[in-house]
Amino acid sequence: MYKDEIIAEVWRNRDSYAEKHHHSLAEIVADLQAYQKRRGCKLVDRRDRTKASSRPRSLAAES
């Protein structure tokens, strides 16, 4: 079977990051949120739909 070196490296990095946070999703999320705050990232809050575009949805999107 073909082994992609890039994918293997991504998996190693993912496993290392998860191990660093004890494979706890709560710890991983908290770390990512803290990282975003440190970096000053501007996030989109999708919970507030009142500012959504007033364009009508296409029929294809509704089906």
PDB file of N, CA and C in Angstrom:
ATOM      1  N   MET A   1       0.843  -1.185   0.000  1.00  0.00           N
ATOM      2  CA  MET A   1       0.000   0.000   0.000  1.00  0.00           C
ATOM      3  C   MET A   1       0.883   1.243   0.000  1.00  0.00           C
ATOM      4  N   TYR A   2       0.460   2.249  -0.721  1.00  0.00           N
ATOM      5  CA  TYR A   2       1.188   3.498  -0.840  1.00  0.00           C
ATOM      6  C   TYR A   2       1.109   4.280   0.469  1.00  0.00           C
ATOM      7  N   LYS A   3       2.250   4.764   0.946  1.00  0.00           N
ATOM      8  CA  LYS A   3       2.278   5.544   2.182  1.00  0.00           C
ATOM      9  C   LYS A   3       2.667   6.984   1.849  1.00  0.00           C
ATOM     10  N   ASP A   4       1.765   7.907   2.100  1.00  0.00           N
ATOM     11  CA  ASP A   4       2.003   9.321   1.826  1.00  0.00           C
ATOM     12  C   ASP A   4       2.733   9.933   3.020  1.00  0.00           C
ATOM     13  N   GLU A   5       3.926  10.438   2.777  1.00  0.00           N
ATOM     14  CA  GLU A   5       4.743  10.992   3.861  1.00  0.00           C
ATOM     15  C   GLU A   5       4.112  12.231   4.486  1.00  0.00           C
ATOM     16  N   ILE A   6       3.442  13.037   3.677  1.00  0.00           N
ATOM     17  CA  ILE A   6       2.815  14.258   4.193  1.00  0.00           C
ATOM     18  C   ILE A   6       1.672  13.905   5.136  1.00  0.00           C
ATOM     19  N   ILE A   7       0.830  12.961   4.723  1.00  0.00           N
ATOM     20  CA  ILE A   7      -0.288  12.526   5.574  1.00  0.00           C
ATOM     21  C   ILE A   7       0.245  11.923   6.860  1.00  0.00           C
ATOM     22  N   ALA A   8       1.299  11.123   6.768  1.00  0.00           N
ATOM     23  CA  ALA A   8       1.886  10.516   7.963  1.00  0.00           C
ATOM     24  C   ALA A   8       2.391  11.589   8.919  1.00  0.00           C
ATOM     25  N   GLU A   9       2.990  12.650   8.389  1.00  0.00           N
ATOM     26  CA  GLU A   9       3.476  13.737   9.242  1.00  0.00           C
ATOM     27  C   GLU A   9       2.320  14.484   9.907  1.00  0.00           C
ATOM     28  N   VAL A  10       1.251  14.717   9.156  1.00  0.00           N
ATOM     29  CA  VAL A  10       0.065  15.381   9.719  1.00  0.00           C
ATOM     30  C   VAL A  10      -0.498  14.540  10.855  1.00  0.00           C
ATOM     31  N   TRP A  11      -0.582  13.233  10.653  1.00  0.00           N
ATOM     32  CA  TRP A  11      -1.104  12.343  11.697  1.00  0.00           C
ATOM     33  C   TRP A  11      -0.211  12.333  12.928  1.00  0.00           C
ATOM     34  N   ARG A  12       1.108  12.347  12.718  1.00  0.00           N
ATOM     35  CA  ARG A  12       2.037  12.399  13.862  1.00  0.00           C
ATOM     36  C   ARG A  12       1.835  13.696  14.653  1.00  0.00           C
ATOM     37  N   ASN A  13       1.702  14.803  13.935  1.00  0.00           N
ATOM     38  CA  ASN A  13       1.490  16.088  14.607  1.00  0.00           C
ATOM     39  C   ASN A  13       0.158  16.109  15.358  1.00  0.00           C
ATOM     40  N   ARG A  14      -0.875  15.554  14.738  1.00  0.00           N
ATOM     41  CA  ARG A  14      -2.188  15.488  15.385  1.00  0.00           C
ATOM     42  C   ARG A  14      -2.117  14.646  16.656  1.00  0.00           C
ATOM     43  N   ASP A  15      -1.485  13.490  16.561  1.00  0.00           N
ATOM     44  CA  ASP A  15      -1.367  12.606  17.723  1.00  0.00           C
ATOM     45  C   ASP A  15      -0.550  13.251  18.838  1.00  0.00           C
ATOM     46  N   SER A  16       0.501  13.958  18.467  1.00  0.00           N
ATOM     47  CA  SER A  16       1.335  14.644  19.454  1.00  0.00           C
ATOM     48  C   SER A  16       0.547  15.743  20.163  1.00  0.00           C
ATOM     49  N   TYR A  17      -0.222  16.502  19.388  1.00  0.00           N
ATOM     50  CA  TYR A  17      -1.031  17.581  19.962  1.00  0.00           C
ATOM     51  C   TYR A  17      -2.100  17.017  20.895  1.00  0.00           C
ATOM     52  N   ALA A  18      -2.755  15.952  20.471  1.00  0.00           N
ATOM     53  CA  ALA A  18      -3.785  15.324  21.309  1.00  0.00           C
ATOM     54  C   ALA A  18      -3.171  14.761  22.589  1.00  0.00           C
ATOM     55  N   GLU A  19      -2.006  14.155  22.479  1.00  0.00           N
ATOM     56  CA  GLU A  19      -1.341  13.604  23.662  1.00  0.00           C
ATOM     57  C   GLU A  19      -0.955  14.718  24.636  1.00  0.00           C
ATOM     58  N   LYS A  20      -0.511  15.836  24.108  1.00  0.00           N
ATOM     59  CA  LYS A  20      -0.138  16.986  24.940  1.00  0.00           C
ATOM     60  C   LYS A  20      -1.321  17.452  25.792  1.00  0.00           C
ATOM     61  N   HIS A  21      -2.532  17.269  25.269  1.00  0.00           N
ATOM     62  CA  HIS A  21      -3.745  17.697  25.972  1.00  0.00           C
ATOM     63  C   HIS A  21      -4.530  16.516  26.532  1.00  0.00           C
ATOM     64  N   HIS A  22      -3.818  15.417  26.773  1.00  0.00           N
ATOM     65  CA  HIS A  22      -4.382  14.213  27.402  1.00  0.00           C
ATOM     66  C   HIS A  22      -5.582  13.655  26.643  1.00  0.00           C
ATOM     67  N   HIS A  23      -5.606  13.843  25.340  1.00  0.00           N
ATOM     68  CA  HIS A  23      -6.681  13.363  24.462  1.00  0.00           C
ATOM     69  C   HIS A  23      -8.050  13.856  24.937  1.00  0.00           C
ATOM     70  N   SER A  24      -8.060  15.017  25.578  1.00  0.00           N
ATOM     71  CA  SER A  24      -9.301  15.594  26.091  1.00  0.00           C
ATOM     72  C   SER A  24      -9.784  16.677  25.128  1.00  0.00           C
ATOM     73  N   LEU A  25     -10.966  16.476  24.574  1.00  0.00           N
ATOM     74  CA  LEU A  25     -11.519  17.453  23.642  1.00  0.00           C
ATOM     75  C   LEU A  25     -11.701  18.814  24.317  1.00  0.00           C
ATOM     76  N   ALA A  26     -12.118  18.805  25.573  1.00  0.00           N
ATOM     77  CA  ALA A  26     -12.306  20.068  26.302  1.00  0.00           C
ATOM     78  C   ALA A  26     -10.983  20.834  26.418  1.00  0.00           C
ATOM     79  N   GLU A  27      -9.895  20.118  26.697  1.00  0.00           N
ATOM     80  CA  GLU A  27      -8.588  20.775  26.801  1.00  0.00           C
ATOM     81  C   GLU A  27      -8.113  21.290  25.449  1.00  0.00           C
ATOM     82  N   ILE A  28      -8.367  20.532  24.403  1.00  0.00           N
ATOM     83  CA  ILE A  28      -7.960  20.950  23.061  1.00  0.00           C
ATOM     84  C   ILE A  28      -8.721  22.201  22.650  1.00  0.00           C
ATOM     85  N   VAL A  29     -10.030  22.220  22.873  1.00  0.00           N
ATOM     86  CA  VAL A  29     -10.842  23.385  22.527  1.00  0.00           C
ATOM     87  C   VAL A  29     -10.387  24.604  23.326  1.00  0.00           C
ATOM     88  N   ALA A  30     -10.147  24.432  24.617  1.00  0.00           N
ATOM     89  CA  ALA A  30      -9.695  25.547  25.450  1.00  0.00           C
ATOM     90  C   ALA A  30      -8.357  26.091  24.949  1.00  0.00           C
ATOM     91  N   ASP A  31      -7.449  25.205  24.553  1.00  0.00           N
ATOM     92  CA  ASP A  31      -6.152  25.638  24.042  1.00  0.00           C
ATOM     93  C   ASP A  31      -6.308  26.401  22.736  1.00  0.00           C
ATOM     94  N   LEU A  32      -7.153  25.912  21.834  1.00  0.00           N
ATOM     95  CA  LEU A  32      -7.365  26.594  20.557  1.00  0.00           C
ATOM     96  C   LEU A  32      -8.026  27.955  20.756  1.00  0.00           C
ATOM     97  N   GLN A  33      -8.970  28.042  21.690  1.00  0.00           N
ATOM     98  CA  GLN A  33      -9.610  29.327  21.966  1.00  0.00           C
ATOM     99  C   GLN A  33      -8.613  30.321  22.555  1.00  0.00           C
ATOM    100  N   ALA A  34      -7.756  29.856  23.450  1.00  0.00           N
ATOM    101  CA  ALA A  34      -6.730  30.729  24.019  1.00  0.00           C
ATOM    102  C   ALA A  34      -5.757  31.182  22.933  1.00  0.00           C
ATOM    103  N   TYR A  35      -5.417  30.282  22.013  1.00  0.00           N
ATOM    104  CA  TYR A  35      -4.522  30.626  20.906  1.00  0.00           C
ATOM    105  C   TYR A  35      -5.146  31.720  20.035  1.00  0.00           C
ATOM    106  N   GLN A  36      -6.430  31.585  19.757  1.00  0.00           N
ATOM    107  CA  GLN A  36      -7.116  32.587  18.939  1.00  0.00           C
ATOM    108  C   GLN A  36      -7.108  33.944  19.626  1.00  0.00           C
ATOM    109  N   LYS A  37      -7.319  33.969  20.928  1.00  0.00           N
ATOM    110  CA  LYS A  37      -7.309  35.238  21.661  1.00  0.00           C
ATOM    111  C   LYS A  37      -5.919  35.866  21.654  1.00  0.00           C
ATOM    112  N   ARG A  38      -4.888  35.036  21.843  1.00  0.00           N
ATOM    113  CA  ARG A  38      -3.513  35.551  21.834  1.00  0.00           C
ATOM    114  C   ARG A  38      -3.161  36.141  20.480  1.00  0.00           C
ATOM    115  N   ARG A  39      -3.618  35.513  19.426  1.00  0.00           N
ATOM    116  CA  ARG A  39      -3.279  35.951  18.076  1.00  0.00           C
ATOM    117  C   ARG A  39      -4.154  37.107  17.608  1.00  0.00           C
ATOM    118  N   GLY A  40      -5.214  37.399  18.321  1.00  0.00           N
ATOM    119  CA  GLY A  40      -6.109  38.477  17.916  1.00  0.00           C
ATOM    120  C   GLY A  40      -6.919  38.136  16.678  1.00  0.00           C
ATOM    121  N   CYS A  41      -7.232  36.870  16.526  1.00  0.00           N
ATOM    122  CA  CYS A  41      -8.003  36.430  15.362  1.00  0.00           C
ATOM    123  C   CYS A  41      -9.415  36.985  15.426  1.00  0.00           C
ATOM    124  N   LYS A  42      -9.921  37.401  14.286  1.00  0.00           N
ATOM    125  CA  LYS A  42     -11.289  37.865  14.215  1.00  0.00           C
ATOM    126  C   LYS A  42     -12.156  36.680  13.799  1.00  0.00           C
ATOM    127  N   LEU A  43     -13.084  36.304  14.650  1.00  0.00           N
ATOM    128  CA  LEU A  43     -13.925  35.144  14.401  1.00  0.00           C
ATOM    129  C   LEU A  43     -15.309  35.579  13.938  1.00  0.00           C
ATOM    130  N   VAL A  44     -15.958  34.727  13.203  1.00  0.00           N
ATOM    131  CA  VAL A  44     -17.318  34.959  12.757  1.00  0.00           C
ATOM    132  C   VAL A  44     -18.242  34.232  13.714  1.00  0.00           C
ATOM    133  N   ASP A  45     -19.207  34.957  14.276  1.00  0.00           N
ATOM    134  CA  ASP A  45     -20.178  34.349  15.181  1.00  0.00           C
ATOM    135  C   ASP A  45     -21.432  34.032  14.379  1.00  0.00           C
ATOM    136  N   ARG A  46     -21.629  32.766  14.097  1.00  0.00           N
ATOM    137  CA  ARG A  46     -22.765  32.350  13.270  1.00  0.00           C
ATOM    138  C   ARG A  46     -24.067  32.213  14.064  1.00  0.00           C
ATOM    139  N   ARG A  47     -24.003  32.443  15.367  1.00  0.00           N
ATOM    140  CA  ARG A  47     -25.218  32.311  16.173  1.00  0.00           C
ATOM    141  C   ARG A  47     -26.194  33.445  15.920  1.00  0.00           C
ATOM    142  N   ASP A  48     -25.710  34.638  15.564  1.00  0.00           N
ATOM    143  CA  ASP A  48     -26.576  35.783  15.338  1.00  0.00           C
ATOM    144  C   ASP A  48     -26.966  35.841  13.870  1.00  0.00           C
ATOM    145  N   ARG A  49     -28.132  35.344  13.555  1.00  0.00           N
ATOM    146  CA  ARG A  49     -28.588  35.292  12.166  1.00  0.00           C
ATOM    147  C   ARG A  49     -29.356  36.546  11.749  1.00  0.00           C
ATOM    148  N   THR A  50     -29.548  37.520  12.637  1.00  0.00           N
ATOM    149  CA  THR A  50     -30.312  38.714  12.286  1.00  0.00           C
ATOM    150  C   THR A  50     -29.572  39.569  11.270  1.00  0.00           C
ATOM    151  N   LYS A  51     -28.259  39.458  11.188  1.00  0.00           N
ATOM    152  CA  LYS A  51     -27.476  40.246  10.248  1.00  0.00           C
ATOM    153  C   LYS A  51     -27.227  39.495   8.947  1.00  0.00           C
ATOM    154  N   ALA A  52     -27.864  38.365   8.779  1.00  0.00           N
ATOM    155  CA  ALA A  52     -27.666  37.554   7.582  1.00  0.00           C
ATOM    156  C   ALA A  52     -28.178  38.291   6.350  1.00  0.00           C
ATOM    157  N   SER A  53     -27.659  37.924   5.234  1.00  0.00           N
ATOM    158  CA  SER A  53     -28.055  38.530   3.968  1.00  0.00           C
ATOM    159  C   SER A  53     -29.551  38.357   3.735  1.00  0.00           C
ATOM    160  N   SER A  54     -30.166  39.347   3.129  1.00  0.00           N
ATOM    161  CA  SER A  54     -31.605  39.275   2.883  1.00  0.00           C
ATOM    162  C   SER A  54     -31.918  38.646   1.538  1.00  0.00           C
ATOM    163  N   ARG A  55     -30.902  38.112   0.854  1.00  0.00           N
ATOM    164  CA  ARG A  55     -31.131  37.455  -0.427  1.00  0.00           C
ATOM    165  C   ARG A  55     -31.962  36.204  -0.229  1.00  0.00           C
ATOM    166  N   PRO A  56     -32.931  35.978  -1.103  1.00  0.00           N
ATOM    167  CA  PRO A  56     -33.719  34.740  -0.987  1.00  0.00           C
ATOM    168  C   PRO A  56     -32.875  33.539  -1.358  1.00  0.00           C
ATOM    169  N   ARG A  57     -33.145  32.431  -0.694  1.00  0.00           N
ATOM    170  CA  ARG A  57     -32.421  31.198  -0.988  1.00  0.00           C
ATOM    171  C   ARG A  57     -32.902  30.638  -2.315  1.00  0.00           C
ATOM    172  N   SER A  58     -32.032  30.018  -3.032  1.00  0.00           N
ATOM    173  CA  SER A  58     -32.438  29.403  -4.298  1.00  0.00           C
ATOM    174  C   SER A  58     -33.221  28.127  -3.999  1.00  0.00           C
ATOM    175  N   LEU A  59     -34.010  27.721  -4.961  1.00  0.00           N
ATOM    176  CA  LEU A  59     -34.803  26.490  -4.779  1.00  0.00           C
ATOM    177  C   LEU A  59     -33.885  25.292  -4.651  1.00  0.00           C
ATOM    178  N   ALA A  60     -32.745  25.313  -5.305  1.00  0.00           N
ATOM    179  CA  ALA A  60     -31.822  24.187  -5.233  1.00  0.00           C
ATOM    180  C   ALA A  60     -31.236  24.052  -3.829  1.00  0.00           C
ATOM    181  N   ALA A  61     -30.998  25.163  -3.161  1.00  0.00           N
ATOM    182  CA  ALA A  61     -30.416  25.122  -1.820  1.00  0.00           C
ATOM    183  C   ALA A  61     -31.418  24.592  -0.801  1.00  0.00           C
ATOM    184  N   GLU A  62     -32.703  24.766  -1.053  1.00  0.00           N
ATOM    185  CA  GLU A  62     -33.712  24.325  -0.085  1.00  0.00           C
ATOM    186  C   GLU A  62     -34.010  22.844  -0.201  1.00  0.00           C
ATOM    187  N   SER A  63     -33.729  22.245  -1.340  1.00  0.00           N
ATOM    188  CA  SER A  63     -34.063  20.831  -1.496  1.00  0.00           C
ATOM    189  C   SER A  63     -32.959  19.913  -1.058  1.00  0.00           C
TER     190      SER A  63
END
